[in-house]
Protein backbone atom coordinates (compact mmCIF):
# COMPACT_ATOMS: atom_id res chain seq x y z
CA UNK A 1 112.56 131.96 91.08
CA UNK A 2 111.28 130.68 94.38
CA UNK A 3 109.19 127.53 94.79
CA UNK A 4 106.74 126.80 97.57
CA UNK A 5 104.23 124.04 98.21
CA UNK A 6 100.65 125.06 98.92
CA UNK A 7 97.84 122.87 100.24
CA UNK A 8 94.53 124.21 98.92
CA UNK A 9 91.81 124.08 101.57
CA UNK A 10 89.12 126.01 99.74
CA UNK A 11 88.24 125.55 96.04
CA UNK A 12 88.00 129.35 95.66
CA UNK A 13 91.72 129.57 96.36
CA UNK A 14 92.42 127.31 93.38
CA UNK A 15 90.51 129.71 91.13
CA UNK A 16 92.58 132.62 92.45
CA UNK A 17 95.80 130.70 91.73
CA UNK A 18 94.60 129.89 88.22
CA UNK A 19 93.87 133.58 87.66
CA UNK A 20 97.40 134.47 88.81
CA UNK A 21 98.79 131.87 86.42
CA UNK A 22 96.74 133.37 83.57
CA UNK A 23 98.39 136.73 84.31
CA UNK A 24 101.82 135.04 84.11
CA UNK A 25 102.53 135.94 87.71
CA UNK A 26 102.96 132.33 88.82
CA UNK A 27 103.22 128.92 87.19
CA UNK A 28 101.36 125.85 88.35
CA UNK A 29 102.87 122.39 88.08
CA UNK A 30 101.02 119.22 88.94
CA UNK A 31 102.70 116.98 91.48
CA UNK A 32 103.99 113.75 89.96
CA UNK A 33 104.18 110.57 91.94
CA UNK A 34 107.54 108.82 91.96
CA UNK A 35 106.51 106.27 89.31
CA UNK A 36 105.41 108.99 86.91
CA UNK A 37 108.57 110.98 87.53
CA UNK A 38 110.74 107.92 86.83
CA UNK A 39 108.74 107.11 83.70
CA UNK A 40 109.14 110.69 82.43
CA UNK A 41 112.89 110.52 83.10
CA UNK A 42 113.18 107.31 81.09
CA UNK A 43 111.25 108.82 78.20
CA UNK A 44 113.51 111.90 78.16
CA UNK A 45 116.66 109.77 78.26
CA UNK A 46 115.42 107.51 75.48
CA UNK A 47 114.54 110.51 73.32
CA UNK A 48 118.10 111.84 73.69
CA UNK A 49 119.65 108.54 72.62
CA UNK A 50 120.33 107.70 68.97
CA UNK A 51 119.01 104.21 69.54
CA UNK A 52 117.63 102.23 72.44
CA UNK A 53 119.66 99.20 73.56
CA UNK A 54 118.29 95.80 72.58
CA UNK A 55 117.08 93.34 75.18
CA UNK A 56 120.20 91.24 74.52
CA UNK A 57 122.49 94.23 75.19
CA UNK A 58 120.66 94.99 78.42
CA UNK A 59 120.90 91.35 79.51
CA UNK A 60 124.63 91.21 78.73
CA UNK A 61 125.25 94.38 80.74
CA UNK A 62 123.26 93.05 83.70
CA UNK A 63 125.08 89.72 83.66
CA UNK A 64 128.46 91.48 83.53
CA UNK A 65 127.51 93.68 86.49
CA UNK A 66 126.30 90.67 88.48
CA UNK A 67 129.45 88.71 87.71
CA UNK A 68 131.62 91.65 88.79
CA UNK A 69 129.65 92.00 92.02
CA UNK A 70 129.78 88.33 93.02
CA UNK A 71 133.33 87.46 91.87
């Protein structure tokens, strides 16, 4: 599979691309901004975990990392 980025200048071109996608010749993915991509990554990681860490566990881990960095 090869990926390319296309800037659509004419709305008619978008219709042609949608028609190609309907024929399963291409797939169209919406561009995600970096915040959305990071949010989606976090959701996927959390779904793979048996349980999410508590706020206390997160705080303990952060404090340990900070102590290690500054000692």
